[in-house]
Amino acid sequence: MGKVGETRVVLDSNIYISAIVFGGKPLRAVQLAEQGAFILLISCPLQAEVRRILAKKFGYSSAMIQCRVIAPGAQPKKSLR
C-alpha cells in the first residue's frame, strides 16, 4: 500500500454532488483529500457532469456552481491521454 497522500482516488459524480448539496460522508471524503490523505483525481468531463446536474436538478446558478464545484480553477498538471 502507498504512503499517505500517494494514493490516487477518482470519486463518482454522485459523490461530488452529494458532498456539495447534502454534506455528510461524501463531504468528508472530499475534505480528506483536501487534507492530503490521498490525491483526488477529477477529469474535465466529470466536472462538466457535476456542473450540469447541479444546474438542472438542483437549480444552482452559474455563480453558485463556480463557488461550490470542487477545485474551481484547478488546472491539471498533466494529461492522461
C-alpha atoms as a PDB file:
ATOM      1  CA  MET A   1       0.000   0.000   0.000  1.00  0.00           C
ATOM      2  CA  GLY A   2       1.225   3.523  -0.810  1.00  0.00           C
ATOM      3  CA  LYS A   3       2.250   6.175   1.658  1.00  0.00           C
ATOM      4  CA  VAL A   4      -0.280   8.677   2.981  1.00  0.00           C
ATOM      5  CA  GLY A   5      -1.022  11.207   0.270  1.00  0.00           C
ATOM      6  CA  GLU A   6       0.247   8.981  -2.559  1.00  0.00           C
ATOM      7  CA  THR A   7      -2.952   7.020  -3.114  1.00  0.00           C
ATOM      8  CA  ARG A   8      -4.890   8.326  -6.100  1.00  0.00           C
ATOM      9  CA  VAL A   9      -8.683   8.307  -5.974  1.00  0.00           C
ATOM     10  CA  VAL A  10     -11.397   9.059  -8.525  1.00  0.00           C
ATOM     11  CA  LEU A  11     -14.796   9.815  -6.997  1.00  0.00           C
ATOM     12  CA  ASP A  12     -18.046   9.301  -8.875  1.00  0.00           C
ATOM     13  CA  SER A  13     -20.006  12.414  -9.832  1.00  0.00           C
ATOM     14  CA  ASN A  14     -22.717  11.399  -7.357  1.00  0.00           C
ATOM     15  CA  ILE A  15     -20.214  11.708  -4.506  1.00  0.00           C
ATOM     16  CA  TYR A  16     -19.311  15.273  -5.521  1.00  0.00           C
ATOM     17  CA  ILE A  17     -22.954  16.240  -5.890  1.00  0.00           C
ATOM     18  CA  SER A  18     -23.861  14.734  -2.520  1.00  0.00           C
ATOM     19  CA  ALA A  19     -20.879  16.471  -0.909  1.00  0.00           C
ATOM     20  CA  ILE A  20     -21.958  19.844  -2.296  1.00  0.00           C
ATOM     21  CA  VAL A  21     -25.707  19.530  -1.770  1.00  0.00           C
ATOM     22  CA  PHE A  22     -26.057  17.326   1.320  1.00  0.00           C
ATOM     23  CA  GLY A  23     -22.662  17.103   3.059  1.00  0.00           C
ATOM     24  CA  GLY A  24     -22.190  14.073   5.307  1.00  0.00           C
ATOM     25  CA  LYS A  25     -19.809  11.253   4.407  1.00  0.00           C
ATOM     26  CA  PRO A  26     -19.326  12.369   0.792  1.00  0.00           C
ATOM     27  CA  LEU A  27     -18.176  15.773   2.028  1.00  0.00           C
ATOM     28  CA  ARG A  28     -15.852  14.051   4.490  1.00  0.00           C
ATOM     29  CA  ALA A  29     -14.230  12.159   1.603  1.00  0.00           C
ATOM     30  CA  VAL A  30     -13.534  15.435  -0.219  1.00  0.00           C
ATOM     31  CA  GLN A  31     -12.216  17.016   2.985  1.00  0.00           C
ATOM     32  CA  LEU A  32      -9.807  14.105   3.486  1.00  0.00           C
ATOM     33  CA  ALA A  33      -8.395  14.777   0.020  1.00  0.00           C
ATOM     34  CA  GLU A  34      -8.043  18.481   0.859  1.00  0.00           C
ATOM     35  CA  GLN A  35      -6.119  17.459   3.984  1.00  0.00           C
ATOM     36  CA  GLY A  36      -3.715  15.363   1.913  1.00  0.00           C
ATOM     37  CA  ALA A  37      -4.906  11.890   2.895  1.00  0.00           C
ATOM     38  CA  PHE A  38      -4.979  10.981  -0.803  1.00  0.00           C
ATOM     39  CA  ILE A  39      -4.711  12.585  -4.222  1.00  0.00           C
ATOM     40  CA  LEU A  40      -8.111  13.334  -5.710  1.00  0.00           C
ATOM     41  CA  LEU A  41      -8.312  13.000  -9.496  1.00  0.00           C
ATOM     42  CA  ILE A  42     -11.115  14.632 -11.488  1.00  0.00           C
ATOM     43  CA  SER A  43     -11.479  14.919 -15.244  1.00  0.00           C
ATOM     44  CA  CYS A  44     -12.924  17.816 -17.198  1.00  0.00           C
ATOM     45  CA  PRO A  45     -15.880  15.671 -18.357  1.00  0.00           C
ATOM     46  CA  LEU A  46     -16.624  14.711 -14.736  1.00  0.00           C
ATOM     47  CA  GLN A  47     -16.525  18.374 -13.674  1.00  0.00           C
ATOM     48  CA  ALA A  48     -18.875  19.225 -16.545  1.00  0.00           C
ATOM     49  CA  GLU A  49     -21.291  16.491 -15.461  1.00  0.00           C
ATOM     50  CA  VAL A  50     -21.326  17.760 -11.869  1.00  0.00           C
ATOM     51  CA  ARG A  51     -21.942  21.320 -13.066  1.00  0.00           C
ATOM     52  CA  ARG A  52     -24.740  20.192 -15.404  1.00  0.00           C
ATOM     53  CA  ILE A  53     -26.543  18.170 -12.727  1.00  0.00           C
ATOM     54  CA  LEU A  54     -26.214  20.901 -10.103  1.00  0.00           C
ATOM     55  CA  ALA A  55     -27.830  23.362 -12.520  1.00  0.00           C
ATOM     56  CA  LYS A  56     -30.503  21.097 -13.956  1.00  0.00           C
ATOM     57  CA  LYS A  57     -31.581  19.031 -10.947  1.00  0.00           C
ATOM     58  CA  PHE A  58     -30.811  21.345  -8.035  1.00  0.00           C
ATOM     59  CA  GLY A  59     -31.283  24.767  -9.653  1.00  0.00           C
ATOM     60  CA  TYR A  60     -27.791  26.048  -8.929  1.00  0.00           C
ATOM     61  CA  SER A  61     -26.903  29.251 -10.781  1.00  0.00           C
ATOM     62  CA  SER A  62     -23.605  29.628 -12.643  1.00  0.00           C
ATOM     63  CA  ALA A  63     -22.259  31.757  -9.775  1.00  0.00           C
ATOM     64  CA  MET A  64     -23.247  29.168  -7.161  1.00  0.00           C
ATOM     65  CA  ILE A  65     -21.642  26.409  -9.194  1.00  0.00           C
ATOM     66  CA  GLN A  66     -18.441  28.408  -9.635  1.00  0.00           C
ATOM     67  CA  CYS A  67     -18.163  28.790  -5.852  1.00  0.00           C
ATOM     68  CA  ARG A  68     -19.164  25.249  -4.986  1.00  0.00           C
ATOM     69  CA  VAL A  69     -17.732  22.863  -7.581  1.00  0.00           C
ATOM     70  CA  ILE A  70     -14.749  21.002  -6.249  1.00  0.00           C
ATOM     71  CA  ALA A  71     -11.401  22.624  -7.099  1.00  0.00           C
ATOM     72  CA  PRO A  72     -12.703  25.616  -9.064  1.00  0.00           C
ATOM     73  CA  GLY A  73      -9.974  26.954 -11.293  1.00  0.00           C
ATOM     74  CA  ALA A  74      -7.736  23.957 -10.731  1.00  0.00           C
ATOM     75  CA  GLN A  75      -5.573  23.109 -13.703  1.00  0.00           C
ATOM     76  CA  PRO A  76      -4.340  19.587 -14.421  1.00  0.00           C
ATOM     77  CA  LYS A  77      -0.626  19.002 -14.038  1.00  0.00           C
ATOM     78  CA  LYS A  78      -0.578  16.588 -16.953  1.00  0.00           C
ATOM     79  CA  SER A  79      -2.961  14.935 -19.359  1.00  0.00           C
ATOM     80  CA  LEU A  80      -3.548  11.194 -19.167  1.00  0.00           C
ATOM     81  CA  ARG A  81      -4.213  10.952 -22.914  1.00  0.00           C
END
